Amino acid sequence: MSTVIDVKGLSVSYERKRVLSNIFLKIESGNVYGVIGPNGAGKSTLFKSILGIININTGAIKVFDKEVEEVRKRVAYVPQKDEVDWSFPATVIDIVLMGRYPHKKMLQRLDKNDHRIAEQALEKLGILDLRDRQIGALSGGQQQRVFIARAICQEADLFFLDEPFVGVDMTTEHKIIEILKELAAEDKTILVVHHDLATVDDYFNKVILLNQRLLTYGDTTEVFTRENIARTYAPQMQILQEVGMIDTLEK
């Protein structure tokens, strides 16, 4: 396994409020990472920092041992649903084909090969029959499949998915995880912001436990323990116990 992302001393603040503090993190290829932590923990901020979408206070970040701008076409990002304008007048195939533009020169047109790759991605996600539908007319699960198809169409090596299972039915969720594991088997690297603690063991072979600072990360079997969860969710532990989440994890 090779190091795909190397984060050294990352700190980020919003309006003088510290969101991430002194993060040191190495991400290795061929894994599906679950990024786990409570609301406001800085999970999305971590993604956006690595992707160069937001400014950071301190630290150094390398992606494939380069600045992220130098390897942009190798990196795919599926944002949270509320960051997408679902009224945008684009069809499913239009959205998925956007994944091909990082491979094109300025003003270069898409060709038959690009359309073939896009259709293969749609077929892989089981939504080829929706290719001419307007994106806003789809269900939440279908919309997520479209954006993951766009990421696959990009033929990226590194994937960031921010809460991809919000508003998604269980069948779609399982299908997406199956595809992510297949990508990892091809030495791709996937990072997923995820909230359902009960499915972490099944979905991810690596986890990152984050709450403004990095609590720990590594193999799920070693890191995703009751003790580490308690450290990560300290203020919320009583709520997790009341809803039976901790009992579920121990079974």
Protein backbone atom coordinates (compact mmCIF):
# COMPACT_ATOMS: atom_id res chain seq x y z
CA MET A 1 0.00 0.00 0.00
CA SER A 2 1.22 3.48 -0.84
CA THR A 3 0.49 6.75 0.94
CA VAL A 4 -2.23 8.62 -0.96
CA ILE A 5 -2.83 11.52 1.45
CA ASP A 6 -0.34 12.95 3.92
CA VAL A 7 -1.71 15.57 6.32
CA LYS A 8 0.73 17.27 8.69
CA GLY A 9 -0.33 19.69 11.42
CA LEU A 10 -3.63 20.76 9.83
CA SER A 11 -5.61 23.40 11.73
CA VAL A 12 -8.69 25.21 10.42
CA SER A 13 -10.82 27.96 11.96
CA TYR A 14 -14.12 29.57 10.93
CA GLU A 15 -14.66 33.09 12.23
CA ARG A 16 -12.07 32.55 14.97
CA LYS A 17 -13.65 29.27 16.06
CA ARG A 18 -11.25 26.32 15.78
CA VAL A 19 -12.81 23.49 13.77
CA LEU A 20 -9.78 21.24 13.26
CA SER A 21 -6.75 21.25 15.49
CA ASN A 22 -3.28 19.90 14.64
CA ILE A 23 -4.31 16.93 12.49
CA PHE A 24 -1.63 14.44 11.44
CA LEU A 25 -2.99 11.74 9.13
CA LYS A 26 -1.73 9.29 6.51
CA ILE A 27 -4.20 7.63 4.14
CA GLU A 28 -3.14 4.47 2.33
CA SER A 29 -4.33 3.18 -1.03
CA GLY A 30 -6.73 0.28 -1.50
CA ASN A 31 -8.94 1.00 1.52
CA VAL A 32 -12.44 2.19 2.33
CA TYR A 33 -12.19 4.65 5.23
CA GLY A 34 -15.14 5.62 7.38
CA VAL A 35 -14.76 9.14 8.76
CA ILE A 36 -16.66 9.01 12.04
CA GLY A 37 -17.55 11.70 14.55
CA PRO A 38 -20.43 13.81 15.91
CA ASN A 39 -22.02 16.77 14.17
CA GLY A 40 -19.61 19.70 14.13
CA ALA A 41 -16.59 17.44 14.45
CA GLY A 42 -14.95 18.84 11.31
CA LYS A 43 -15.43 15.86 9.01
CA SER A 44 -16.58 17.90 6.01
CA THR A 45 -13.95 20.51 6.81
CA LEU A 46 -11.28 17.81 6.66
CA PHE A 47 -12.47 16.82 3.19
CA LYS A 48 -12.59 20.40 1.94
CA SER A 49 -9.15 21.14 3.37
CA ILE A 50 -7.60 18.18 1.56
CA LEU A 51 -9.44 19.11 -1.64
CA GLY A 52 -8.22 22.72 -1.45
CA ILE A 53 -11.78 24.07 -1.37
CA ILE A 54 -11.23 26.12 1.81
CA ASN A 55 -8.32 27.99 3.32
CA ILE A 56 -6.43 26.43 6.20
CA ASN A 57 -4.69 28.15 9.10
CA THR A 58 -1.65 25.93 9.38
CA GLY A 59 -0.36 22.63 8.08
CA ALA A 60 0.76 20.88 4.93
CA ILE A 61 -1.27 18.50 2.76
CA LYS A 62 0.03 16.29 -0.02
CA VAL A 63 -2.13 14.15 -2.31
CA PHE A 64 -0.21 11.53 -4.28
CA ASP A 65 2.88 13.37 -2.97
CA LYS A 66 1.84 16.56 -4.81
CA GLU A 67 -0.31 19.62 -4.31
CA VAL A 68 -3.94 18.67 -4.90
CA GLU A 69 -4.25 21.04 -7.89
CA GLU A 70 -1.59 19.01 -9.71
CA VAL A 71 -3.59 15.77 -9.38
CA ARG A 72 -7.13 17.15 -9.55
CA LYS A 73 -8.31 14.74 -12.24
CA ARG A 74 -7.35 11.77 -10.04
CA VAL A 75 -9.63 12.99 -7.24
CA ALA A 76 -13.45 12.71 -7.21
CA TYR A 77 -15.75 14.42 -4.72
CA VAL A 78 -19.40 13.66 -3.91
CA PRO A 79 -20.64 16.54 -1.71
CA GLN A 80 -23.48 16.57 0.78
CA LYS A 81 -26.92 16.68 -0.82
CA ASP A 82 -27.71 20.15 0.51
CA GLU A 83 -24.73 21.55 -1.41
CA VAL A 84 -26.24 20.56 -4.76
CA ASP A 85 -28.67 22.70 -6.75
CA TRP A 86 -31.26 20.07 -7.66
CA SER A 87 -33.23 22.57 -9.79
CA PHE A 88 -30.34 22.86 -12.24
CA PRO A 89 -31.73 21.91 -15.69
CA ALA A 90 -29.47 18.95 -16.38
CA THR A 91 -30.23 15.34 -17.18
CA VAL A 92 -28.65 12.32 -15.54
CA ILE A 93 -26.31 11.71 -18.46
CA ASP A 94 -25.28 15.40 -18.45
CA ILE A 95 -24.27 15.15 -14.78
CA VAL A 96 -22.35 11.90 -15.20
CA LEU A 97 -20.50 13.18 -18.27
CA MET A 98 -19.13 16.03 -16.12
CA GLY A 99 -16.79 13.41 -14.74
CA ARG A 100 -15.02 13.31 -18.09
CA TYR A 101 -14.08 17.01 -18.26
CA PRO A 102 -10.98 16.72 -16.04
CA HIS A 103 -9.55 14.51 -18.80
CA LYS A 104 -10.19 17.10 -21.51
CA LYS A 105 -8.19 20.07 -22.70
CA MET A 106 -9.73 23.53 -22.84
CA LEU A 107 -12.70 23.58 -25.28
CA GLN A 108 -12.13 19.92 -26.22
CA ARG A 109 -15.43 18.18 -26.88
CA LEU A 110 -16.65 14.92 -25.41
CA ASP A 111 -16.44 11.97 -27.78
CA LYS A 112 -17.98 8.52 -28.17
CA ASN A 113 -15.53 7.01 -25.72
CA ASP A 114 -16.57 9.50 -23.04
CA HIS A 115 -20.24 8.61 -23.59
CA ARG A 116 -19.39 4.91 -23.44
CA ILE A 117 -17.60 5.34 -20.10
CA ALA A 118 -20.53 7.38 -18.74
CA GLU A 119 -23.06 4.75 -19.78
CA GLN A 120 -20.95 2.01 -18.21
CA ALA A 121 -20.92 3.96 -14.93
CA LEU A 122 -24.70 4.37 -15.05
CA GLU A 123 -25.13 0.69 -15.76
CA LYS A 124 -22.84 -0.19 -12.85
CA LEU A 125 -25.09 1.85 -10.54
CA GLY A 126 -28.25 0.32 -12.05
CA ILE A 127 -29.63 3.62 -13.38
CA LEU A 128 -28.93 3.50 -17.11
CA ASP A 129 -32.69 3.67 -17.73
CA LEU A 130 -32.73 7.09 -16.03
CA ARG A 131 -30.14 8.65 -18.34
CA ASP A 132 -32.53 11.24 -19.85
CA ARG A 133 -34.35 12.17 -16.63
CA GLN A 134 -33.88 15.61 -15.05
CA ILE A 135 -31.75 15.31 -11.92
CA GLY A 136 -34.27 17.11 -9.71
CA ALA A 137 -37.03 14.64 -10.63
CA LEU A 138 -35.20 11.68 -9.09
CA SER A 139 -35.55 10.19 -5.64
CA GLY A 140 -32.82 10.82 -3.05
CA GLY A 141 -31.31 7.39 -3.59
CA GLN A 142 -31.30 7.82 -7.36
CA GLN A 143 -29.64 11.22 -7.05
CA GLN A 144 -26.84 9.77 -4.94
CA ARG A 145 -26.31 7.00 -7.46
CA VAL A 146 -25.98 9.62 -10.21
CA PHE A 147 -23.24 11.52 -8.38
CA ILE A 148 -21.36 8.35 -7.56
CA ALA A 149 -21.65 7.37 -11.23
CA ARG A 150 -20.10 10.74 -12.10
CA ALA A 151 -17.20 10.00 -9.75
CA ILE A 152 -16.70 6.57 -11.31
CA CYS A 153 -16.94 8.10 -14.80
CA GLN A 154 -14.04 10.35 -13.85
CA GLU A 155 -11.88 7.22 -13.44
CA ALA A 156 -10.43 8.73 -10.29
CA ASP A 157 -8.03 7.03 -7.92
CA LEU A 158 -9.21 8.84 -4.79
CA PHE A 159 -12.86 9.31 -3.81
CA PHE A 160 -14.40 11.58 -1.17
CA LEU A 161 -18.06 10.93 -0.30
CA ASP A 162 -19.65 13.27 2.24
CA GLU A 163 -22.67 11.60 3.88
CA PRO A 164 -23.65 9.63 0.76
CA PHE A 165 -26.36 7.62 2.55
CA VAL A 166 -28.57 10.50 3.70
CA GLY A 167 -32.05 9.98 2.22
CA VAL A 168 -31.00 6.69 0.62
CA ASP A 169 -32.90 3.41 0.94
CA MET A 170 -31.11 0.37 2.33
CA THR A 171 -30.95 -1.40 -1.03
CA THR A 172 -29.15 1.57 -2.59
CA GLU A 173 -26.88 1.90 0.43
CA HIS A 174 -25.76 -1.71 0.16
CA LYS A 175 -25.25 -1.33 -3.60
CA ILE A 176 -23.06 1.73 -3.09
CA ILE A 177 -20.95 0.02 -0.44
CA GLU A 178 -20.52 -3.00 -2.71
CA ILE A 179 -19.22 -0.74 -5.47
CA LEU A 180 -16.89 1.14 -3.11
CA LYS A 181 -15.37 -2.14 -1.96
CA GLU A 182 -14.88 -3.19 -5.58
CA LEU A 183 -13.04 0.09 -6.24
CA ALA A 184 -10.81 -0.49 -3.22
CA ALA A 185 -9.98 -3.95 -4.55
CA GLU A 186 -8.68 -2.14 -7.66
CA ASP A 187 -6.33 -0.13 -5.37
CA LYS A 188 -8.58 2.92 -5.35
CA THR A 189 -8.93 4.84 -2.08
CA ILE A 190 -12.29 5.89 -0.66
CA LEU A 191 -13.15 8.16 2.27
CA VAL A 192 -16.76 8.30 3.45
CA VAL A 193 -18.32 10.56 6.09
CA HIS A 194 -20.73 8.25 7.89
CA HIS A 195 -23.05 8.49 10.91
CA ASP A 196 -24.58 5.04 11.44
CA LEU A 197 -22.25 3.47 13.99
CA ALA A 198 -24.03 0.12 13.75
CA THR A 199 -22.82 -0.43 10.15
CA VAL A 200 -19.22 0.77 10.49
CA ASP A 201 -17.78 -2.73 11.04
CA ASP A 202 -19.44 -4.05 7.88
CA TYR A 203 -18.81 -1.07 5.62
CA PHE A 204 -15.23 0.04 6.31
CA ASN A 205 -11.93 -1.74 6.76
CA LYS A 206 -10.38 1.50 8.11
CA VAL A 207 -11.82 4.23 10.30
CA ILE A 208 -10.87 7.78 11.23
CA LEU A 209 -12.34 8.96 14.56
CA LEU A 210 -12.54 12.73 14.59
CA ASN A 211 -13.91 15.41 16.90
CA GLN A 212 -12.09 18.63 16.00
CA ARG A 213 -8.91 16.76 16.78
CA LEU A 214 -7.91 13.33 15.55
CA LEU A 215 -8.73 10.80 18.25
CA THR A 216 -7.30 7.80 16.39
CA TYR A 217 -7.37 6.00 13.05
CA GLY A 218 -6.45 2.62 11.62
CA ASP A 219 -7.93 -0.83 11.07
CA THR A 220 -11.60 -0.95 12.03
CA THR A 221 -11.17 -4.14 14.04
CA GLU A 222 -8.52 -2.48 16.20
CA VAL A 223 -9.67 1.13 16.38
CA PHE A 224 -13.46 1.05 16.42
CA THR A 225 -13.83 0.13 20.09
CA ARG A 226 -16.24 1.24 22.81
CA GLU A 227 -13.43 3.16 24.52
CA ASN A 228 -12.50 5.09 21.37
CA ILE A 229 -16.14 5.75 20.52
CA ALA A 230 -16.62 7.14 24.04
CA ARG A 231 -13.65 9.48 23.55
CA THR A 232 -14.99 10.64 20.20
CA TYR A 233 -18.61 11.13 21.26
CA ALA A 234 -18.02 12.09 24.90
CA PRO A 235 -20.84 14.69 25.19
CA GLN A 236 -23.24 12.45 23.23
CA MET A 237 -22.54 9.10 24.92
CA GLN A 238 -25.64 9.22 27.10
CA ILE A 239 -27.82 9.77 24.02
CA LEU A 240 -26.14 6.87 22.20
CA GLN A 241 -26.80 4.62 25.18
CA GLU A 242 -30.43 5.75 25.45
CA VAL A 243 -31.15 4.85 21.82
CA GLY A 244 -29.37 1.52 22.20
CA MET A 245 -26.55 2.31 19.77
CA ILE A 246 -23.80 1.19 22.15
CA ASP A 247 -25.61 -2.06 22.89
CA THR A 248 -25.88 -2.67 19.15
CA LEU A 249 -22.14 -2.19 18.71
CA GLU A 250 -21.34 -4.69 21.43
CA LYS A 251 -23.40 -7.50 19.89
